Amino acid sequence: AAFMQRYRENPSDLNLLLEMTDWISRTETITDELDKLDASQEEMNAAELQYYLESTAKIYGLIAQAAG
């Protein structure tokens, strides 16, 4: 979210564009890991599922804020 704010303020900053490449790679990795967790929800106990739901809600909230 902080990166997206800096990017919105100065989209022509070449350093930010390079940093964005790194963020895209990280996003793909995180998405892959979340997909694996989505598939394993049936194997989670109640505490693990609660933590998973809270964490993904926070992640998606940050993504929505950054896209804002």
PDB file of N, CA and C in Angstrom:
ATOM      1  N   ALA A   1       0.827  -1.192   0.000  1.00  0.00           N
ATOM      2  CA  ALA A   1       0.000   0.000   0.000  1.00  0.00           C
ATOM      3  C   ALA A   1       0.874   1.260   0.000  1.00  0.00           C
ATOM      4  N   ALA A   2       1.935   1.240   0.789  1.00  0.00           N
ATOM      5  CA  ALA A   2       2.829   2.405   0.843  1.00  0.00           C
ATOM      6  C   ALA A   2       3.513   2.610  -0.506  1.00  0.00           C
ATOM      7  N   PHE A   3       3.905   1.517  -1.146  1.00  0.00           N
ATOM      8  CA  PHE A   3       4.522   1.630  -2.465  1.00  0.00           C
ATOM      9  C   PHE A   3       3.550   2.246  -3.462  1.00  0.00           C
ATOM     10  N   MET A   4       2.315   1.779  -3.469  1.00  0.00           N
ATOM     11  CA  MET A   4       1.332   2.297  -4.426  1.00  0.00           C
ATOM     12  C   MET A   4       1.081   3.778  -4.198  1.00  0.00           C
ATOM     13  N   GLN A   5       1.112   4.221  -2.961  1.00  0.00           N
ATOM     14  CA  GLN A   5       0.940   5.639  -2.667  1.00  0.00           C
ATOM     15  C   GLN A   5       2.091   6.440  -3.262  1.00  0.00           C
ATOM     16  N   ARG A   6       3.321   5.960  -3.059  1.00  0.00           N
ATOM     17  CA  ARG A   6       4.488   6.648  -3.633  1.00  0.00           C
ATOM     18  C   ARG A   6       4.419   6.659  -5.158  1.00  0.00           C
ATOM     19  N   TYR A   7       3.962   5.555  -5.744  1.00  0.00           N
ATOM     20  CA  TYR A   7       3.857   5.468  -7.194  1.00  0.00           C
ATOM     21  C   TYR A   7       2.804   6.441  -7.732  1.00  0.00           C
ATOM     22  N   ARG A   8       1.660   6.518  -7.058  1.00  0.00           N
ATOM     23  CA  ARG A   8       0.605   7.449  -7.505  1.00  0.00           C
ATOM     24  C   ARG A   8       1.089   8.896  -7.451  1.00  0.00           C
ATOM     25  N   GLU A   9       1.924   9.205  -6.471  1.00  0.00           N
ATOM     26  CA  GLU A   9       2.437  10.569  -6.337  1.00  0.00           C
ATOM     27  C   GLU A   9       3.485  10.907  -7.389  1.00  0.00           C
ATOM     28  N   ASN A  10       4.183   9.896  -7.909  1.00  0.00           N
ATOM     29  CA  ASN A  10       5.246  10.158  -8.881  1.00  0.00           C
ATOM     30  C   ASN A  10       5.393   8.969  -9.845  1.00  0.00           C
ATOM     31  N   PRO A  11       4.438   8.766 -10.742  1.00  0.00           N
ATOM     32  CA  PRO A  11       4.457   7.587 -11.615  1.00  0.00           C
ATOM     33  C   PRO A  11       5.600   7.555 -12.621  1.00  0.00           C
ATOM     34  N   SER A  12       6.299   8.652 -12.820  1.00  0.00           N
ATOM     35  CA  SER A  12       7.403   8.648 -13.783  1.00  0.00           C
ATOM     36  C   SER A  12       8.766   8.373 -13.135  1.00  0.00           C
ATOM     37  N   ASP A  13       8.797   8.130 -11.837  1.00  0.00           N
ATOM     38  CA  ASP A  13      10.040   7.829 -11.133  1.00  0.00           C
ATOM     39  C   ASP A  13      10.532   6.438 -11.561  1.00  0.00           C
ATOM     40  N   LEU A  14      11.681   6.402 -12.258  1.00  0.00           N
ATOM     41  CA  LEU A  14      12.205   5.137 -12.773  1.00  0.00           C
ATOM     42  C   LEU A  14      12.558   4.153 -11.667  1.00  0.00           C
ATOM     43  N   ASN A  15      13.002   4.650 -10.528  1.00  0.00           N
ATOM     44  CA  ASN A  15      13.304   3.760  -9.402  1.00  0.00           C
ATOM     45  C   ASN A  15      12.052   3.039  -8.935  1.00  0.00           C
ATOM     46  N   LEU A  16      10.931   3.736  -8.921  1.00  0.00           N
ATOM     47  CA  LEU A  16       9.675   3.109  -8.527  1.00  0.00           C
ATOM     48  C   LEU A  16       9.229   2.070  -9.554  1.00  0.00           C
ATOM     49  N   LEU A  17       9.478   2.356 -10.816  1.00  0.00           N
ATOM     50  CA  LEU A  17       9.112   1.391 -11.854  1.00  0.00           C
ATOM     51  C   LEU A  17       9.928   0.104 -11.704  1.00  0.00           C
ATOM     52  N   LEU A  18      11.201   0.234 -11.365  1.00  0.00           N
ATOM     53  CA  LEU A  18      12.025  -0.952 -11.112  1.00  0.00           C
ATOM     54  C   LEU A  18      11.534  -1.702  -9.878  1.00  0.00           C
ATOM     55  N   GLU A  19      11.172  -0.943  -8.857  1.00  0.00           N
ATOM     56  CA  GLU A  19      10.659  -1.561  -7.630  1.00  0.00           C
ATOM     57  C   GLU A  19       9.344  -2.287  -7.911  1.00  0.00           C
ATOM     58  N   MET A  20       8.554  -1.744  -8.825  1.00  0.00           N
ATOM     59  CA  MET A  20       7.276  -2.366  -9.157  1.00  0.00           C
ATOM     60  C   MET A  20       7.482  -3.767  -9.723  1.00  0.00           C
ATOM     61  N   THR A  21       8.530  -3.960 -10.487  1.00  0.00           N
ATOM     62  CA  THR A  21       8.825  -5.281 -11.034  1.00  0.00           C
ATOM     63  C   THR A  21       9.011  -6.287  -9.906  1.00  0.00           C
ATOM     64  N   ASP A  22       9.714  -5.887  -8.866  1.00  0.00           N
ATOM     65  CA  ASP A  22       9.911  -6.753  -7.707  1.00  0.00           C
ATOM     66  C   ASP A  22       8.580  -7.038  -7.018  1.00  0.00           C
ATOM     67  N   TRP A  23       7.744  -6.022  -6.876  1.00  0.00           N
ATOM     68  CA  TRP A  23       6.442  -6.203  -6.223  1.00  0.00           C
ATOM     69  C   TRP A  23       5.549  -7.150  -7.018  1.00  0.00           C
ATOM     70  N   ILE A  24       5.607  -7.069  -8.340  1.00  0.00           N
ATOM     71  CA  ILE A  24       4.793  -7.963  -9.168  1.00  0.00           C
ATOM     72  C   ILE A  24       5.215  -9.412  -8.930  1.00  0.00           C
ATOM     73  N   SER A  25       6.504  -9.643  -8.867  1.00  0.00           N
ATOM     74  CA  SER A  25       7.012 -10.989  -8.595  1.00  0.00           C
ATOM     75  C   SER A  25       6.554 -11.474  -7.226  1.00  0.00           C
ATOM     76  N   ARG A  26       6.663 -10.612  -6.223  1.00  0.00           N
ATOM     77  CA  ARG A  26       6.214 -10.974  -4.867  1.00  0.00           C
ATOM     78  C   ARG A  26       4.718 -11.268  -4.843  1.00  0.00           C
ATOM     79  N   THR A  27       3.952 -10.473  -5.569  1.00  0.00           N
ATOM     80  CA  THR A  27       2.506 -10.653  -5.601  1.00  0.00           C
ATOM     81  C   THR A  27       2.152 -12.020  -6.180  1.00  0.00           C
ATOM     82  N   GLU A  28       2.851 -12.413  -7.223  1.00  0.00           N
ATOM     83  CA  GLU A  28       2.606 -13.726  -7.822  1.00  0.00           C
ATOM     84  C   GLU A  28       2.901 -14.842  -6.825  1.00  0.00           C
ATOM     85  N   THR A  29       3.989 -14.710  -6.079  1.00  0.00           N
ATOM     86  CA  THR A  29       4.351 -15.709  -5.076  1.00  0.00           C
ATOM     87  C   THR A  29       3.286 -15.778  -3.981  1.00  0.00           C
ATOM     88  N   ILE A  30       2.858 -14.631  -3.499  1.00  0.00           N
ATOM     89  CA  ILE A  30       1.836 -14.589  -2.445  1.00  0.00           C
ATOM     90  C   ILE A  30       0.526 -15.185  -2.948  1.00  0.00           C
ATOM     91  N   THR A  31       0.149 -14.855  -4.169  1.00  0.00           N
ATOM     92  CA  THR A  31      -1.081 -15.396  -4.744  1.00  0.00           C
ATOM     93  C   THR A  31      -1.016 -16.916  -4.828  1.00  0.00           C
ATOM     94  N   ASP A  32       0.122 -17.441  -5.259  1.00  0.00           N
ATOM     95  CA  ASP A  32       0.292 -18.898  -5.327  1.00  0.00           C
ATOM     96  C   ASP A  32       0.145 -19.529  -3.947  1.00  0.00           C
ATOM     97  N   GLU A  33       0.757 -18.909  -2.937  1.00  0.00           N
ATOM     98  CA  GLU A  33       0.671 -19.445  -1.580  1.00  0.00           C
ATOM     99  C   GLU A  33      -0.758 -19.375  -1.044  1.00  0.00           C
ATOM    100  N   LEU A  34      -1.460 -18.280  -1.327  1.00  0.00           N
ATOM    101  CA  LEU A  34      -2.856 -18.167  -0.877  1.00  0.00           C
ATOM    102  C   LEU A  34      -3.728 -19.202  -1.571  1.00  0.00           C
ATOM    103  N   ASP A  35      -3.463 -19.468  -2.834  1.00  0.00           N
ATOM    104  CA  ASP A  35      -4.219 -20.503  -3.547  1.00  0.00           C
ATOM    105  C   ASP A  35      -4.033 -21.866  -2.891  1.00  0.00           C
ATOM    106  N   LYS A  36      -2.803 -22.162  -2.466  1.00  0.00           N
ATOM    107  CA  LYS A  36      -2.540 -23.427  -1.779  1.00  0.00           C
ATOM    108  C   LYS A  36      -3.318 -23.484  -0.470  1.00  0.00           C
ATOM    109  N   LEU A  37      -3.345 -22.366   0.257  1.00  0.00           N
ATOM    110  CA  LEU A  37      -4.093 -22.331   1.517  1.00  0.00           C
ATOM    111  C   LEU A  37      -5.584 -22.463   1.272  1.00  0.00           C
ATOM    112  N   ASP A  38      -6.075 -21.815   0.232  1.00  0.00           N
ATOM    113  CA  ASP A  38      -7.501 -21.944  -0.106  1.00  0.00           C
ATOM    114  C   ASP A  38      -7.860 -23.411  -0.296  1.00  0.00           C
ATOM    115  N   ALA A  39      -6.989 -24.139  -0.983  1.00  0.00           N
ATOM    116  CA  ALA A  39      -7.240 -25.548  -1.260  1.00  0.00           C
ATOM    117  C   ALA A  39      -7.187 -26.400   0.001  1.00  0.00           C
ATOM    118  N   SER A  40      -6.445 -25.951   1.017  1.00  0.00           N
ATOM    119  CA  SER A  40      -6.286 -26.760   2.227  1.00  0.00           C
ATOM    120  C   SER A  40      -7.190 -26.316   3.375  1.00  0.00           C
ATOM    121  N   GLN A  41      -8.135 -25.436   3.125  1.00  0.00           N
ATOM    122  CA  GLN A  41      -9.011 -24.947   4.199  1.00  0.00           C
ATOM    123  C   GLN A  41      -9.728 -26.084   4.913  1.00  0.00           C
ATOM    124  N   GLU A  42     -10.074 -27.117   4.183  1.00  0.00           N
ATOM    125  CA  GLU A  42     -10.797 -28.235   4.790  1.00  0.00           C
ATOM    126  C   GLU A  42      -9.941 -28.966   5.831  1.00  0.00           C
ATOM    127  N   GLU A  43      -8.616 -28.827   5.743  1.00  0.00           N
ATOM    128  CA  GLU A  43      -7.710 -29.498   6.663  1.00  0.00           C
ATOM    129  C   GLU A  43      -7.340 -28.626   7.867  1.00  0.00           C
ATOM    130  N   MET A  44      -7.792 -27.383   7.901  1.00  0.00           N
ATOM    131  CA  MET A  44      -7.434 -26.469   8.980  1.00  0.00           C
ATOM    132  C   MET A  44      -8.334 -26.681  10.184  1.00  0.00           C
ATOM    133  N   ASN A  45      -7.740 -26.519  11.385  1.00  0.00           N
ATOM    134  CA  ASN A  45      -8.587 -26.534  12.571  1.00  0.00           C
ATOM    135  C   ASN A  45      -9.222 -25.145  12.715  1.00  0.00           C
ATOM    136  N   ALA A  46     -10.065 -24.972  13.684  1.00  0.00           N
ATOM    137  CA  ALA A  46     -10.815 -23.716  13.829  1.00  0.00           C
ATOM    138  C   ALA A  46      -9.889 -22.511  14.020  1.00  0.00           C
ATOM    139  N   ALA A  47      -8.847 -22.645  14.827  1.00  0.00           N
ATOM    140  CA  ALA A  47      -7.931 -21.524  15.076  1.00  0.00           C
ATOM    141  C   ALA A  47      -7.152 -21.166  13.814  1.00  0.00           C
ATOM    142  N   GLU A  48      -6.698 -22.178  13.075  1.00  0.00           N
ATOM    143  CA  GLU A  48      -5.969 -21.929  11.835  1.00  0.00           C
ATOM    144  C   GLU A  48      -6.862 -21.252  10.803  1.00  0.00           C
ATOM    145  N   LEU A  49      -8.099 -21.714  10.695  1.00  0.00           N
ATOM    146  CA  LEU A  49      -9.033 -21.124   9.746  1.00  0.00           C
ATOM    147  C   LEU A  49      -9.334 -19.673  10.115  1.00  0.00           C
ATOM    148  N   GLN A  50      -9.525 -19.391  11.396  1.00  0.00           N
ATOM    149  CA  GLN A  50      -9.773 -18.027  11.850  1.00  0.00           C
ATOM    150  C   GLN A  50      -8.598 -17.117  11.493  1.00  0.00           C
ATOM    151  N   TYR A  51      -7.376 -17.582  11.767  1.00  0.00           N
ATOM    152  CA  TYR A  51      -6.176 -16.809  11.448  1.00  0.00           C
ATOM    153  C   TYR A  51      -6.080 -16.584   9.943  1.00  0.00           C
ATOM    154  N   TYR A  52      -6.338 -17.620   9.167  1.00  0.00           N
ATOM    155  CA  TYR A  52      -6.296 -17.523   7.710  1.00  0.00           C
ATOM    156  C   TYR A  52      -7.295 -16.475   7.214  1.00  0.00           C
ATOM    157  N   LEU A  53      -8.514 -16.531   7.708  1.00  0.00           N
ATOM    158  CA  LEU A  53      -9.545 -15.591   7.266  1.00  0.00           C
ATOM    159  C   LEU A  53      -9.203 -14.155   7.647  1.00  0.00           C
ATOM    160  N   GLU A  54      -8.702 -13.954   8.860  1.00  0.00           N
ATOM    161  CA  GLU A  54      -8.300 -12.612   9.287  1.00  0.00           C
ATOM    162  C   GLU A  54      -7.130 -12.091   8.454  1.00  0.00           C
ATOM    163  N   SER A  55      -6.166 -12.947   8.198  1.00  0.00           N
ATOM    164  CA  SER A  55      -4.988 -12.538   7.421  1.00  0.00           C
ATOM    165  C   SER A  55      -5.349 -12.195   5.988  1.00  0.00           C
ATOM    166  N   THR A  56      -6.147 -13.042   5.348  1.00  0.00           N
ATOM    167  CA  THR A  56      -6.505 -12.759   3.954  1.00  0.00           C
ATOM    168  C   THR A  56      -7.383 -11.520   3.867  1.00  0.00           C
ATOM    169  N   ALA A  57      -8.250 -11.300   4.844  1.00  0.00           N
ATOM    170  CA  ALA A  57      -9.067 -10.084   4.840  1.00  0.00           C
ATOM    171  C   ALA A  57      -8.174  -8.849   4.938  1.00  0.00           C
ATOM    172  N   LYS A  58      -7.138  -8.927   5.777  1.00  0.00           N
ATOM    173  CA  LYS A  58      -6.207  -7.804   5.907  1.00  0.00           C
ATOM    174  C   LYS A  58      -5.452  -7.577   4.595  1.00  0.00           C
ATOM    175  N   ILE A  59      -4.986  -8.648   3.983  1.00  0.00           N
ATOM    176  CA  ILE A  59      -4.253  -8.538   2.716  1.00  0.00           C
ATOM    177  C   ILE A  59      -5.137  -7.914   1.649  1.00  0.00           C
ATOM    178  N   TYR A  60      -6.342  -8.428   1.499  1.00  0.00           N
ATOM    179  CA  TYR A  60      -7.240  -7.896   0.474  1.00  0.00           C
ATOM    180  C   TYR A  60      -7.650  -6.465   0.772  1.00  0.00           C
ATOM    181  N   GLY A  61      -7.745  -6.101   2.041  1.00  0.00           N
ATOM    182  CA  GLY A  61      -8.035  -4.718   2.416  1.00  0.00           C
ATOM    183  C   GLY A  61      -6.905  -3.777   2.012  1.00  0.00           C
ATOM    184  N   LEU A  62      -5.670  -4.230   2.217  1.00  0.00           N
ATOM    185  CA  LEU A  62      -4.513  -3.423   1.809  1.00  0.00           C
ATOM    186  C   LEU A  62      -4.448  -3.277   0.296  1.00  0.00           C
ATOM    187  N   ILE A  63      -4.772  -4.354  -0.407  1.00  0.00           N
ATOM    188  CA  ILE A  63      -4.788  -4.292  -1.876  1.00  0.00           C
ATOM    189  C   ILE A  63      -5.847  -3.298  -2.347  1.00  0.00           C
ATOM    190  N   ALA A  64      -7.026  -3.362  -1.749  1.00  0.00           N
ATOM    191  CA  ALA A  64      -8.089  -2.429  -2.121  1.00  0.00           C
ATOM    192  C   ALA A  64      -7.700  -0.989  -1.826  1.00  0.00           C
ATOM    193  N   GLN A  65      -7.052  -0.779  -0.681  1.00  0.00           N
ATOM    194  CA  GLN A  65      -6.601   0.573  -0.313  1.00  0.00           C
ATOM    195  C   GLN A  65      -5.559   1.069  -1.311  1.00  0.00           C
ATOM    196  N   ALA A  66      -4.639   0.206  -1.708  1.00  0.00           N
ATOM    197  CA  ALA A  66      -3.593   0.595  -2.645  1.00  0.00           C
ATOM    198  C   ALA A  66      -4.183   0.905  -4.023  1.00  0.00           C
ATOM    199  N   ALA A  67      -5.208   0.174  -4.404  1.00  0.00           N
ATOM    200  CA  ALA A  67      -5.827   0.387  -5.710  1.00  0.00           C
ATOM    201  C   ALA A  67      -6.668   1.654  -5.714  1.00  0.00           C
ATOM    202  N   GLY A  68      -7.114   2.078  -4.522  1.00  0.00           N
ATOM    203  CA  GLY A  68      -7.980   3.196  -4.285  1.00  0.00           C
ATOM    204  C   GLY A  68      -7.862   4.326  -5.157  1.00  0.00           C
TER     205      GLY A  68
END
